[in-house]
Amino acid sequence: MNNKQVEEVIKAIIAGKYSWACVLILRFNGYDPLHYIPYRTYIRLLKDNYQMDRTGVN
């Protein structure tokens, strides 16, 4: 994980969003979160936490 990704995980932990932090850790390390958590839970976490990057940086 690079520094920006670590900061994002830390922000999620500080905000008390531990499930989202787990999803981020899995994704940033190349794992598919759907192998570890139920589909409905994953989709809910995405809807609740994912912010589209509108700056054009992917």
PDB file of N, CA and C in Angstrom:
ATOM      1  N   MET A   1       0.853  -1.173   0.000  1.00  0.00           N
ATOM      2  CA  MET A   1       0.000   0.000   0.000  1.00  0.00           C
ATOM      3  C   MET A   1       0.898   1.235   0.000  1.00  0.00           C
ATOM      4  N   ASN A   2       0.455   2.243  -0.739  1.00  0.00           N
ATOM      5  CA  ASN A   2       1.214   3.492  -0.737  1.00  0.00           C
ATOM      6  C   ASN A   2       0.712   4.396   0.396  1.00  0.00           C
ATOM      7  N   ASN A   3       1.373   5.526   0.577  1.00  0.00           N
ATOM      8  CA  ASN A   3       1.034   6.425   1.694  1.00  0.00           C
ATOM      9  C   ASN A   3      -0.399   6.931   1.628  1.00  0.00           C
ATOM     10  N   LYS A   4      -0.876   7.272   0.434  1.00  0.00           N
ATOM     11  CA  LYS A   4      -2.244   7.783   0.297  1.00  0.00           C
ATOM     12  C   LYS A   4      -3.262   6.717   0.708  1.00  0.00           C
ATOM     13  N   GLN A   5      -3.006   5.480   0.340  1.00  0.00           N
ATOM     14  CA  GLN A   5      -3.919   4.390   0.691  1.00  0.00           C
ATOM     15  C   GLN A   5      -3.908   4.151   2.198  1.00  0.00           C
ATOM     16  N   VAL A   6      -2.733   4.195   2.810  1.00  0.00           N
ATOM     17  CA  VAL A   6      -2.642   4.019   4.269  1.00  0.00           C
ATOM     18  C   VAL A   6      -3.407   5.135   4.972  1.00  0.00           C
ATOM     19  N   GLU A   7      -3.265   6.367   4.478  1.00  0.00           N
ATOM     20  CA  GLU A   7      -3.997   7.492   5.071  1.00  0.00           C
ATOM     21  C   GLU A   7      -5.499   7.290   4.967  1.00  0.00           C
ATOM     22  N   GLU A   8      -5.962   6.765   3.843  1.00  0.00           N
ATOM     23  CA  GLU A   8      -7.390   6.520   3.664  1.00  0.00           C
ATOM     24  C   GLU A   8      -7.897   5.476   4.662  1.00  0.00           C
ATOM     25  N   VAL A   9      -7.115   4.421   4.880  1.00  0.00           N
ATOM     26  CA  VAL A   9      -7.481   3.395   5.857  1.00  0.00           C
ATOM     27  C   VAL A   9      -7.513   3.993   7.261  1.00  0.00           C
ATOM     28  N   ILE A  10      -6.519   4.795   7.586  1.00  0.00           N
ATOM     29  CA  ILE A  10      -6.468   5.414   8.916  1.00  0.00           C
ATOM     30  C   ILE A  10      -7.650   6.347   9.129  1.00  0.00           C
ATOM     31  N   LYS A  11      -8.024   7.120   8.095  1.00  0.00           N
ATOM     32  CA  LYS A  11      -9.203   7.997   8.207  1.00  0.00           C
ATOM     33  C   LYS A  11     -10.457   7.195   8.495  1.00  0.00           C
ATOM     34  N   ALA A  12     -10.603   6.049   7.826  1.00  0.00           N
ATOM     35  CA  ALA A  12     -11.779   5.200   8.052  1.00  0.00           C
ATOM     36  C   ALA A  12     -11.789   4.686   9.490  1.00  0.00           C
ATOM     37  N   ILE A  13     -10.631   4.286  10.002  1.00  0.00           N
ATOM     38  CA  ILE A  13     -10.547   3.771  11.378  1.00  0.00           C
ATOM     39  C   ILE A  13     -10.870   4.872  12.370  1.00  0.00           C
ATOM     40  N   ILE A  14     -10.321   6.053  12.170  1.00  0.00           N
ATOM     41  CA  ILE A  14     -10.588   7.169  13.084  1.00  0.00           C
ATOM     42  C   ILE A  14     -12.073   7.524  13.084  1.00  0.00           C
ATOM     43  N   ALA A  15     -12.716   7.415  11.922  1.00  0.00           N
ATOM     44  CA  ALA A  15     -14.147   7.708  11.819  1.00  0.00           C
ATOM     45  C   ALA A  15     -15.008   6.582  12.377  1.00  0.00           C
ATOM     46  N   GLY A  16     -14.371   5.490  12.817  1.00  0.00           N
ATOM     47  CA  GLY A  16     -15.127   4.370  13.380  1.00  0.00           C
ATOM     48  C   GLY A  16     -15.724   3.459  12.324  1.00  0.00           C
ATOM     49  N   LYS A  17     -15.270   3.574  11.091  1.00  0.00           N
ATOM     50  CA  LYS A  17     -15.789   2.757   9.985  1.00  0.00           C
ATOM     51  C   LYS A  17     -14.862   1.573   9.768  1.00  0.00           C
ATOM     52  N   TYR A  18     -14.893   0.649  10.713  1.00  0.00           N
ATOM     53  CA  TYR A  18     -13.955  -0.472  10.718  1.00  0.00           C
ATOM     54  C   TYR A  18     -14.210  -1.443   9.563  1.00  0.00           C
ATOM     55  N   SER A  19     -15.451  -1.670   9.223  1.00  0.00           N
ATOM     56  CA  SER A  19     -15.765  -2.560   8.107  1.00  0.00           C
ATOM     57  C   SER A  19     -15.246  -1.971   6.800  1.00  0.00           C
ATOM     58  N   TRP A  20     -15.411  -0.663   6.630  1.00  0.00           N
ATOM     59  CA  TRP A  20     -14.911   0.003   5.431  1.00  0.00           C
ATOM     60  C   TRP A  20     -13.380  -0.060   5.382  1.00  0.00           C
ATOM     61  N   ALA A  21     -12.734   0.103   6.526  1.00  0.00           N
ATOM     62  CA  ALA A  21     -11.277  -0.005   6.581  1.00  0.00           C
ATOM     63  C   ALA A  21     -10.828  -1.395   6.135  1.00  0.00           C
ATOM     64  N   CYS A  22     -11.547  -2.418   6.536  1.00  0.00           N
ATOM     65  CA  CYS A  22     -11.218  -3.788   6.121  1.00  0.00           C
ATOM     66  C   CYS A  22     -11.368  -3.945   4.610  1.00  0.00           C
ATOM     67  N   VAL A  23     -12.437  -3.394   4.054  1.00  0.00           N
ATOM     68  CA  VAL A  23     -12.648  -3.455   2.606  1.00  0.00           C
ATOM     69  C   VAL A  23     -11.496  -2.756   1.891  1.00  0.00           C
ATOM     70  N   LEU A  24     -11.107  -1.593   2.374  1.00  0.00           N
ATOM     71  CA  LEU A  24     -10.009  -0.853   1.753  1.00  0.00           C
ATOM     72  C   LEU A  24      -8.703  -1.635   1.809  1.00  0.00           C
ATOM     73  N   ILE A  25      -8.415  -2.227   2.957  1.00  0.00           N
ATOM     74  CA  ILE A  25      -7.185  -3.002   3.096  1.00  0.00           C
ATOM     75  C   ILE A  25      -7.175  -4.158   2.110  1.00  0.00           C
ATOM     76  N   LEU A  26      -8.298  -4.856   1.993  1.00  0.00           N
ATOM     77  CA  LEU A  26      -8.372  -5.962   1.039  1.00  0.00           C
ATOM     78  C   LEU A  26      -8.151  -5.469  -0.383  1.00  0.00           C
ATOM     79  N   ARG A  27      -8.855  -4.422  -0.764  1.00  0.00           N
ATOM     80  CA  ARG A  27      -8.750  -3.905  -2.135  1.00  0.00           C
ATOM     81  C   ARG A  27      -7.352  -3.393  -2.447  1.00  0.00           C
ATOM     82  N   PHE A  28      -6.767  -2.644  -1.521  1.00  0.00           N
ATOM     83  CA  PHE A  28      -5.447  -2.065  -1.755  1.00  0.00           C
ATOM     84  C   PHE A  28      -4.349  -3.123  -1.836  1.00  0.00           C
ATOM     85  N   ASN A  29      -4.599  -4.278  -1.262  1.00  0.00           N
ATOM     86  CA  ASN A  29      -3.613  -5.358  -1.297  1.00  0.00           C
ATOM     87  C   ASN A  29      -3.915  -6.392  -2.372  1.00  0.00           C
ATOM     88  N   GLY A  30      -4.865  -6.078  -3.266  1.00  0.00           N
ATOM     89  CA  GLY A  30      -5.118  -6.923  -4.420  1.00  0.00           C
ATOM     90  C   GLY A  30      -6.083  -8.072  -4.200  1.00  0.00           C
ATOM     91  N   TYR A  31      -6.803  -8.054  -3.096  1.00  0.00           N
ATOM     92  CA  TYR A  31      -7.780  -9.106  -2.822  1.00  0.00           C
ATOM     93  C   TYR A  31      -9.178  -8.643  -3.202  1.00  0.00           C
ATOM     94  N   ASP A  32     -10.032  -9.574  -3.524  1.00  0.00           N
ATOM     95  CA  ASP A  32     -11.426  -9.272  -3.839  1.00  0.00           C
ATOM     96  C   ASP A  32     -12.231  -9.375  -2.541  1.00  0.00           C
ATOM     97  N   PRO A  33     -12.754  -8.253  -2.046  1.00  0.00           N
ATOM     98  CA  PRO A  33     -13.514  -8.289  -0.788  1.00  0.00           C
ATOM     99  C   PRO A  33     -14.696  -9.262  -0.817  1.00  0.00           C
ATOM    100  N   LEU A  34     -15.227  -9.522  -2.012  1.00  0.00           N
ATOM    101  CA  LEU A  34     -16.373 -10.430  -2.103  1.00  0.00           C
ATOM    102  C   LEU A  34     -16.014 -11.877  -1.755  1.00  0.00           C
ATOM    103  N   HIS A  35     -14.744 -12.196  -1.708  1.00  0.00           N
ATOM    104  CA  HIS A  35     -14.325 -13.531  -1.266  1.00  0.00           C
ATOM    105  C   HIS A  35     -14.399 -13.652   0.248  1.00  0.00           C
ATOM    106  N   TYR A  36     -14.538 -12.520   0.939  1.00  0.00           N
ATOM    107  CA  TYR A  36     -14.465 -12.511   2.399  1.00  0.00           C
ATOM    108  C   TYR A  36     -15.721 -11.995   3.085  1.00  0.00           C
ATOM    109  N   ILE A  37     -16.531 -11.198   2.379  1.00  0.00           N
ATOM    110  CA  ILE A  37     -17.746 -10.668   2.992  1.00  0.00           C
ATOM    111  C   ILE A  37     -18.920 -10.882   2.046  1.00  0.00           C
ATOM    112  N   PRO A  38     -20.146 -10.931   2.583  1.00  0.00           N
ATOM    113  CA  PRO A  38     -21.329 -11.125   1.730  1.00  0.00           C
ATOM    114  C   PRO A  38     -21.529  -9.979   0.740  1.00  0.00           C
ATOM    115  N   TYR A  39     -22.095 -10.306  -0.409  1.00  0.00           N
ATOM    116  CA  TYR A  39     -22.329  -9.344  -1.487  1.00  0.00           C
ATOM    117  C   TYR A  39     -23.139  -8.152  -1.006  1.00  0.00           C
ATOM    118  N   ARG A  40     -24.241  -8.412  -0.316  1.00  0.00           N
ATOM    119  CA  ARG A  40     -25.111  -7.315   0.127  1.00  0.00           C
ATOM    120  C   ARG A  40     -24.394  -6.374   1.088  1.00  0.00           C
ATOM    121  N   THR A  41     -23.580  -6.942   1.956  1.00  0.00           N
ATOM    122  CA  THR A  41     -22.806  -6.128   2.890  1.00  0.00           C
ATOM    123  C   THR A  41     -21.802  -5.268   2.142  1.00  0.00           C
ATOM    124  N   TYR A  42     -21.135  -5.861   1.158  1.00  0.00           N
ATOM    125  CA  TYR A  42     -20.148  -5.139   0.368  1.00  0.00           C
ATOM    126  C   TYR A  42     -20.793  -3.978  -0.389  1.00  0.00           C
ATOM    127  N   ILE A  43     -21.923  -4.234  -1.032  1.00  0.00           N
ATOM    128  CA  ILE A  43     -22.621  -3.186  -1.781  1.00  0.00           C
ATOM    129  C   ILE A  43     -23.070  -2.064  -0.846  1.00  0.00           C
ATOM    130  N   ARG A  44     -23.570  -2.427   0.334  1.00  0.00           N
ATOM    131  CA  ARG A  44     -23.988  -1.403   1.306  1.00  0.00           C
ATOM    132  C   ARG A  44     -22.794  -0.553   1.729  1.00  0.00           C
ATOM    133  N   LEU A  45     -21.664  -1.190   1.989  1.00  0.00           N
ATOM    134  CA  LEU A  45     -20.473  -0.442   2.378  1.00  0.00           C
ATOM    135  C   LEU A  45     -20.016   0.495   1.262  1.00  0.00           C
ATOM    136  N   LEU A  46     -20.087   0.018   0.025  1.00  0.00           N
ATOM    137  CA  LEU A  46     -19.718   0.872  -1.105  1.00  0.00           C
ATOM    138  C   LEU A  46     -20.627   2.089  -1.187  1.00  0.00           C
ATOM    139  N   LYS A  47     -21.920   1.864  -1.080  1.00  0.00           N
ATOM    140  CA  LYS A  47     -22.881   2.974  -1.166  1.00  0.00           C
ATOM    141  C   LYS A  47     -22.678   3.975  -0.030  1.00  0.00           C
ATOM    142  N   ASP A  48     -22.385   3.464   1.160  1.00  0.00           N
ATOM    143  CA  ASP A  48     -22.250   4.328   2.332  1.00  0.00           C
ATOM    144  C   ASP A  48     -20.924   5.086   2.369  1.00  0.00           C
ATOM    145  N   ASN A  49     -19.889   4.545   1.742  1.00  0.00           N
ATOM    146  CA  ASN A  49     -18.559   5.098   1.969  1.00  0.00           C
ATOM    147  C   ASN A  49     -17.776   5.506   0.740  1.00  0.00           C
ATOM    148  N   TYR A  50     -18.072   4.945  -0.399  1.00  0.00           N
ATOM    149  CA  TYR A  50     -17.241   5.202  -1.568  1.00  0.00           C
ATOM    150  C   TYR A  50     -17.508   6.592  -2.117  1.00  0.00           C
ATOM    151  N   GLN A  51     -16.458   7.350  -2.315  1.00  0.00           N
ATOM    152  CA  GLN A  51     -16.589   8.687  -2.882  1.00  0.00           C
ATOM    153  C   GLN A  51     -15.927   8.668  -4.252  1.00  0.00           C
ATOM    154  N   MET A  52     -16.680   9.054  -5.258  1.00  0.00           N
ATOM    155  CA  MET A  52     -16.128   9.096  -6.604  1.00  0.00           C
ATOM    156  C   MET A  52     -15.086  10.211  -6.670  1.00  0.00           C
ATOM    157  N   ASP A  53     -13.946   9.897  -7.251  1.00  0.00           N
ATOM    158  CA  ASP A  53     -12.873  10.876  -7.396  1.00  0.00           C
ATOM    159  C   ASP A  53     -13.162  11.700  -8.639  1.00  0.00           C
ATOM    160  N   ARG A  54     -13.612  12.916  -8.450  1.00  0.00           N
ATOM    161  CA  ARG A  54     -14.004  13.772  -9.566  1.00  0.00           C
ATOM    162  C   ARG A  54     -12.846  14.611 -10.089  1.00  0.00           C
ATOM    163  N   THR A  55     -11.670  14.389  -9.565  1.00  0.00           N
ATOM    164  CA  THR A  55     -10.522  15.165 -10.030  1.00  0.00           C
ATOM    165  C   THR A  55      -9.902  14.580 -11.279  1.00  0.00           C
ATOM    166  N   GLY A  56     -10.363  13.423 -11.709  1.00  0.00           N
ATOM    167  CA  GLY A  56      -9.831  12.781 -12.908  1.00  0.00           C
ATOM    168  C   GLY A  56      -8.683  11.835 -12.620  1.00  0.00           C
ATOM    169  N   VAL A  57      -8.262  11.738 -11.369  1.00  0.00           N
ATOM    170  CA  VAL A  57      -7.191  10.835 -10.998  1.00  0.00           C
ATOM    171  C   VAL A  57      -7.797   9.504 -10.613  1.00  0.00           C
ATOM    172  N   ASN A  58      -7.358   8.430 -11.238  1.00  0.00           N
ATOM    173  CA  ASN A  58      -7.900   7.102 -10.926  1.00  0.00           C
ATOM    174  C   ASN A  58      -6.993   6.352 -10.021  1.00  0.00           C
TER     175      ASN A  58
END
